[in-house]
């Protein structure tokens, strides 16, 4: 159980404090982002520990400053509350969507959004250490598509090759 808790804390570090640079989205980019404003719920299963662990999540997306949207989410997992917050905006200067993320586990990151039609995918890859000081590769993907949100996680423990993954589809 402690091994699973340690790994769950590492997984919680996927999402993380940082600000998105100034953004001035055009109407199409901004309208797409604000279409996701609301309260969301999702559930998933953490795979790769001693046994699969089910968990539930909530996320609130609200209008932020300028043309940003703010999000704040929480998941209850293995007796832990994992939280994430951040902003998503379209950055005209760089011609791209950007998502800044922070978590209660101290992970910090900026993910660049790739748009294909009405889908925007944010893919974040980081190297880090677990609570025991072992190297881990961390991946997080947020997909905004067809009015829905999916968050995918993957953690690889480099010393053992073990992985933990989860996919959480969110609905209003």
C-alpha atoms as a PDB file:
ATOM      1  CA  UNK A   1       0.000   0.000   0.000  1.00  0.00           C
ATOM      2  CA  UNK A   2       2.850   2.435   0.789  1.00  0.00           C
ATOM      3  CA  UNK A   3       4.362   1.743  -2.621  1.00  0.00           C
ATOM      4  CA  UNK A   4       1.033   2.604  -4.236  1.00  0.00           C
ATOM      5  CA  UNK A   5       0.719   5.782  -2.126  1.00  0.00           C
ATOM      6  CA  UNK A   6       4.253   6.843  -3.064  1.00  0.00           C
ATOM      7  CA  UNK A   7       3.471   6.287  -6.718  1.00  0.00           C
ATOM      8  CA  UNK A   8       0.105   8.035  -6.434  1.00  0.00           C
ATOM      9  CA  UNK A   9       1.899  11.096  -5.059  1.00  0.00           C
ATOM     10  CA  UNK A  10       4.307  10.928  -7.983  1.00  0.00           C
ATOM     11  CA  UNK A  11       1.348  10.697 -10.358  1.00  0.00           C
ATOM     12  CA  UNK A  12      -0.222  13.715  -8.674  1.00  0.00           C
ATOM     13  CA  UNK A  13       2.896  15.655  -9.605  1.00  0.00           C
ATOM     14  CA  UNK A  14       1.873  15.488 -13.237  1.00  0.00           C
ATOM     15  CA  UNK A  15      -0.062  18.674 -13.104  1.00  0.00           C
ATOM     16  CA  UNK A  16       1.401  21.873 -11.801  1.00  0.00           C
ATOM     17  CA  UNK A  17       2.665  26.995 -10.370  1.00  0.00           C
ATOM     18  CA  UNK A  18       3.175  28.941 -13.582  1.00  0.00           C
ATOM     19  CA  UNK A  19       1.529  31.742 -15.553  1.00  0.00           C
ATOM     20  CA  UNK A  20       0.640  31.697 -19.223  1.00  0.00           C
ATOM     21  CA  UNK A  21       2.183  34.587 -21.113  1.00  0.00           C
ATOM     22  CA  UNK A  22      -0.087  37.430 -22.275  1.00  0.00           C
ATOM     23  CA  UNK A  23      -2.732  36.223 -24.688  1.00  0.00           C
ATOM     24  CA  UNK A  24      -5.040  38.038 -27.025  1.00  0.00           C
ATOM     25  CA  UNK A  25      -7.112  35.378 -28.705  1.00  0.00           C
ATOM     26  CA  UNK A  26      -9.286  36.082 -31.677  1.00  0.00           C
ATOM     27  CA  UNK A  27     -13.029  35.376 -31.439  1.00  0.00           C
ATOM     28  CA  UNK A  28     -12.802  31.795 -32.768  1.00  0.00           C
ATOM     29  CA  UNK A  29     -10.030  30.755 -30.376  1.00  0.00           C
ATOM     30  CA  UNK A  30     -11.678  32.442 -27.397  1.00  0.00           C
ATOM     31  CA  UNK A  31     -15.156  31.046 -28.195  1.00  0.00           C
ATOM     32  CA  UNK A  32     -13.741  27.537 -28.357  1.00  0.00           C
ATOM     33  CA  UNK A  33     -12.123  27.944 -24.935  1.00  0.00           C
ATOM     34  CA  UNK A  34     -15.191  29.443 -23.229  1.00  0.00           C
ATOM     35  CA  UNK A  35     -17.343  26.595 -24.536  1.00  0.00           C
ATOM     36  CA  UNK A  36     -15.653  24.475 -21.837  1.00  0.00           C
ATOM     37  CA  UNK A  37     -16.685  26.731 -18.931  1.00  0.00           C
ATOM     38  CA  UNK A  38     -18.659  24.787 -16.330  1.00  0.00           C
ATOM     39  CA  UNK A  39     -18.491  22.024 -13.749  1.00  0.00           C
ATOM     40  CA  UNK A  40     -17.092  18.676 -14.850  1.00  0.00           C
ATOM     41  CA  UNK A  41     -16.914  15.208 -13.277  1.00  0.00           C
ATOM     42  CA  UNK A  42     -14.904  12.177 -14.287  1.00  0.00           C
ATOM     43  CA  UNK A  43     -13.727   8.835 -13.050  1.00  0.00           C
ATOM     44  CA  UNK A  44     -10.916   6.544 -13.984  1.00  0.00           C
ATOM     45  CA  UNK A  45      -8.756   3.711 -12.865  1.00  0.00           C
ATOM     46  CA  UNK A  46      -5.094   3.929 -11.908  1.00  0.00           C
ATOM     47  CA  UNK A  47      -3.396   0.921 -13.488  1.00  0.00           C
ATOM     48  CA  UNK A  48       0.069  -0.325 -12.654  1.00  0.00           C
ATOM     49  CA  UNK A  49       0.240  -0.480  -8.881  1.00  0.00           C
ATOM     50  CA  UNK A  50      -0.379  -3.527  -6.737  1.00  0.00           C
ATOM     51  CA  UNK A  51      -3.898  -3.594  -8.143  1.00  0.00           C
ATOM     52  CA  UNK A  52      -6.029  -1.187 -10.186  1.00  0.00           C
ATOM     53  CA  UNK A  53      -7.484   1.639  -8.083  1.00  0.00           C
ATOM     54  CA  UNK A  54     -10.669   3.463  -9.059  1.00  0.00           C
ATOM     55  CA  UNK A  55     -10.940   7.177  -8.398  1.00  0.00           C
ATOM     56  CA  UNK A  56     -13.289  10.116  -8.985  1.00  0.00           C
ATOM     57  CA  UNK A  57     -12.467  13.650 -10.074  1.00  0.00           C
ATOM     58  CA  UNK A  58     -14.119  17.056 -10.270  1.00  0.00           C
ATOM     59  CA  UNK A  59     -13.043  20.049 -12.304  1.00  0.00           C
ATOM     60  CA  UNK A  60     -14.362  23.592 -12.530  1.00  0.00           C
ATOM     61  CA  UNK A  61     -13.555  25.768 -15.518  1.00  0.00           C
ATOM     62  CA  UNK A  62     -14.284  29.487 -15.234  1.00  0.00           C
ATOM     63  CA  UNK A  63     -13.638  32.664 -17.193  1.00  0.00           C
ATOM     64  CA  UNK A  64     -10.269  34.110 -16.287  1.00  0.00           C
ATOM     65  CA  UNK A  65      -8.608  37.443 -16.955  1.00  0.00           C
ATOM     66  CA  UNK A  66      -8.506  38.723 -20.517  1.00  0.00           C
ATOM     67  CA  UNK A  67      -9.030  35.770 -22.856  1.00  0.00           C
ATOM     68  CA  UNK A  68      -7.993  33.033 -20.439  1.00  0.00           C
ATOM     69  CA  UNK A  69     -10.002  30.299 -18.837  1.00  0.00           C
ATOM     70  CA  UNK A  70      -9.053  29.051 -15.381  1.00  0.00           C
ATOM     71  CA  UNK A  71      -9.416  25.474 -14.230  1.00  0.00           C
ATOM     72  CA  UNK A  72      -9.223  23.817 -10.844  1.00  0.00           C
ATOM     73  CA  UNK A  73      -9.655  20.103 -10.279  1.00  0.00           C
ATOM     74  CA  UNK A  74      -9.450  17.532  -7.532  1.00  0.00           C
ATOM     75  CA  UNK A  75      -9.239  13.729  -7.571  1.00  0.00           C
ATOM     76  CA  UNK A  76      -9.721  11.372  -4.643  1.00  0.00           C
ATOM     77  CA  UNK A  77      -7.222   8.539  -5.071  1.00  0.00           C
ATOM     78  CA  UNK A  78      -6.017   5.896  -2.602  1.00  0.00           C
ATOM     79  CA  UNK A  79      -7.021   8.028   0.379  1.00  0.00           C
ATOM     80  CA  UNK A  80      -5.364  11.134  -1.097  1.00  0.00           C
ATOM     81  CA  UNK A  81      -6.795  14.321  -2.513  1.00  0.00           C
ATOM     82  CA  UNK A  82      -4.822  15.387  -5.556  1.00  0.00           C
ATOM     83  CA  UNK A  83      -5.442  18.873  -6.875  1.00  0.00           C
ATOM     84  CA  UNK A  84      -4.498  20.725 -10.022  1.00  0.00           C
ATOM     85  CA  UNK A  85      -5.113  24.255 -11.219  1.00  0.00           C
ATOM     86  CA  UNK A  86      -4.047  26.514 -14.012  1.00  0.00           C
ATOM     87  CA  UNK A  87      -5.002  28.582 -17.019  1.00  0.00           C
ATOM     88  CA  UNK A  88      -5.538  27.935 -20.703  1.00  0.00           C
ATOM     89  CA  UNK A  89      -5.228  30.690 -23.286  1.00  0.00           C
ATOM     90  CA  UNK A  90      -4.475  31.329 -26.916  1.00  0.00           C
ATOM     91  CA  UNK A  91      -1.214  33.216 -27.337  1.00  0.00           C
ATOM     92  CA  UNK A  92      -1.387  35.298 -30.532  1.00  0.00           C
ATOM     93  CA  UNK A  93       2.310  36.182 -30.407  1.00  0.00           C
ATOM     94  CA  UNK A  94       3.245  32.499 -30.589  1.00  0.00           C
ATOM     95  CA  UNK A  95       0.167  31.439 -32.595  1.00  0.00           C
ATOM     96  CA  UNK A  96      -0.699  28.620 -30.191  1.00  0.00           C
ATOM     97  CA  UNK A  97      -2.768  27.504 -27.226  1.00  0.00           C
ATOM     98  CA  UNK A  98      -0.919  27.279 -23.899  1.00  0.00           C
ATOM     99  CA  UNK A  99      -1.918  25.593 -20.646  1.00  0.00           C
ATOM    100  CA  UNK A 100      -0.108  26.396 -17.413  1.00  0.00           C
ATOM    101  CA  UNK A 101      -0.530  23.770 -14.706  1.00  0.00           C
ATOM    102  CA  UNK A 102       0.261  23.451 -11.015  1.00  0.00           C
ATOM    103  CA  UNK A 103      -0.496  20.737  -8.467  1.00  0.00           C
ATOM    104  CA  UNK A 104      -0.455  20.180  -4.740  1.00  0.00           C
ATOM    105  CA  UNK A 105       2.493  17.836  -5.351  1.00  0.00           C
ATOM    106  CA  UNK A 106       4.696  20.672  -6.622  1.00  0.00           C
ATOM    107  CA  UNK A 107       4.836  19.816 -10.322  1.00  0.00           C
ATOM    108  CA  UNK A 108       5.132  22.833 -12.632  1.00  0.00           C
ATOM    109  CA  UNK A 109       4.670  22.868 -16.345  1.00  0.00           C
ATOM    110  CA  UNK A 110       3.560  24.645 -19.485  1.00  0.00           C
ATOM    111  CA  UNK A 111       1.950  22.527 -22.182  1.00  0.00           C
ATOM    112  CA  UNK A 112       1.612  23.712 -25.767  1.00  0.00           C
ATOM    113  CA  UNK A 113      -1.747  22.964 -27.381  1.00  0.00           C
ATOM    114  CA  UNK A 114      -1.957  21.370 -30.806  1.00  0.00           C
ATOM    115  CA  UNK A 115      -5.209  22.087 -32.631  1.00  0.00           C
ATOM    116  CA  UNK A 116      -6.698  19.741 -35.204  1.00  0.00           C
ATOM    117  CA  UNK A 117     -10.229  20.767 -36.190  1.00  0.00           C
ATOM    118  CA  UNK A 118     -12.257  21.178 -32.985  1.00  0.00           C
ATOM    119  CA  UNK A 119      -9.732  19.228 -30.886  1.00  0.00           C
ATOM    120  CA  UNK A 120      -6.945  20.781 -28.834  1.00  0.00           C
ATOM    121  CA  UNK A 121      -4.374  18.444 -27.248  1.00  0.00           C
ATOM    122  CA  UNK A 122      -1.951  19.572 -24.568  1.00  0.00           C
ATOM    123  CA  UNK A 123       0.964  17.187 -24.095  1.00  0.00           C
ATOM    124  CA  UNK A 124       3.365  17.626 -21.199  1.00  0.00           C
ATOM    125  CA  UNK A 125       6.489  15.471 -20.726  1.00  0.00           C
ATOM    126  CA  UNK A 126       8.778  15.897 -17.747  1.00  0.00           C
ATOM    127  CA  UNK A 127      11.585  14.120 -15.958  1.00  0.00           C
ATOM    128  CA  UNK A 128      11.412  14.062 -12.193  1.00  0.00           C
ATOM    129  CA  UNK A 129      12.065  12.104  -9.039  1.00  0.00           C
ATOM    130  CA  UNK A 130       9.686  10.165  -6.828  1.00  0.00           C
ATOM    131  CA  UNK A 131       9.659  10.570  -3.051  1.00  0.00           C
ATOM    132  CA  UNK A 132      12.487   8.041  -2.741  1.00  0.00           C
ATOM    133  CA  UNK A 133      14.712   9.982  -5.147  1.00  0.00           C
ATOM    134  CA  UNK A 134      14.303   7.581  -8.085  1.00  0.00           C
ATOM    135  CA  UNK A 135      14.125   8.984 -11.624  1.00  0.00           C
ATOM    136  CA  UNK A 136      10.695   8.982 -13.252  1.00  0.00           C
ATOM    137  CA  UNK A 137       9.390  10.009 -16.663  1.00  0.00           C
ATOM    138  CA  UNK A 138       6.038  11.755 -16.434  1.00  0.00           C
ATOM    139  CA  UNK A 139       3.528  12.364 -19.183  1.00  0.00           C
ATOM    140  CA  UNK A 140       0.215  14.160 -19.046  1.00  0.00           C
ATOM    141  CA  UNK A 141      -2.197  14.881 -21.857  1.00  0.00           C
ATOM    142  CA  UNK A 142      -5.321  17.031 -21.770  1.00  0.00           C
ATOM    143  CA  UNK A 143      -7.668  16.695 -24.727  1.00  0.00           C
ATOM    144  CA  UNK A 144     -10.493  19.159 -25.402  1.00  0.00           C
ATOM    145  CA  UNK A 145     -12.716  17.620 -28.084  1.00  0.00           C
ATOM    146  CA  UNK A 146     -16.365  17.764 -29.121  1.00  0.00           C
ATOM    147  CA  UNK A 147     -17.355  19.553 -25.931  1.00  0.00           C
ATOM    148  CA  UNK A 148     -15.688  16.907 -23.720  1.00  0.00           C
ATOM    149  CA  UNK A 149     -12.458  16.699 -21.764  1.00  0.00           C
ATOM    150  CA  UNK A 150     -10.141  13.717 -21.324  1.00  0.00           C
ATOM    151  CA  UNK A 151      -7.028  13.697 -19.142  1.00  0.00           C
ATOM    152  CA  UNK A 152      -4.444  10.918 -19.630  1.00  0.00           C
ATOM    153  CA  UNK A 153      -1.482  10.232 -17.345  1.00  0.00           C
ATOM    154  CA  UNK A 154       1.571   8.006 -17.661  1.00  0.00           C
ATOM    155  CA  UNK A 155       4.396   7.635 -15.148  1.00  0.00           C
ATOM    156  CA  UNK A 156       7.403   5.411 -15.831  1.00  0.00           C
ATOM    157  CA  UNK A 157       9.736   4.540 -12.965  1.00  0.00           C
ATOM    158  CA  UNK A 158      13.086   4.489 -14.726  1.00  0.00           C
ATOM    159  CA  UNK A 159      14.836   2.254 -12.163  1.00  0.00           C
ATOM    160  CA  UNK A 160      12.323  -0.594 -12.518  1.00  0.00           C
ATOM    161  CA  UNK A 161      10.575   0.095 -15.811  1.00  0.00           C
ATOM    162  CA  UNK A 162       7.228  -0.103 -13.966  1.00  0.00           C
ATOM    163  CA  UNK A 163       4.505   2.175 -15.237  1.00  0.00           C
ATOM    164  CA  UNK A 164       1.315   3.670 -13.867  1.00  0.00           C
ATOM    165  CA  UNK A 165      -1.359   5.098 -16.108  1.00  0.00           C
ATOM    166  CA  UNK A 166      -4.852   6.511 -15.977  1.00  0.00           C
ATOM    167  CA  UNK A 167      -7.356   7.979 -18.383  1.00  0.00           C
ATOM    168  CA  UNK A 168     -10.146  10.188 -17.064  1.00  0.00           C
ATOM    169  CA  UNK A 169     -13.002  11.233 -19.351  1.00  0.00           C
ATOM    170  CA  UNK A 170     -14.901  14.221 -17.932  1.00  0.00           C
ATOM    171  CA  UNK A 171     -18.546  15.118 -18.525  1.00  0.00           C
ATOM    172  CA  UNK A 172     -20.722  18.021 -17.393  1.00  0.00           C
END
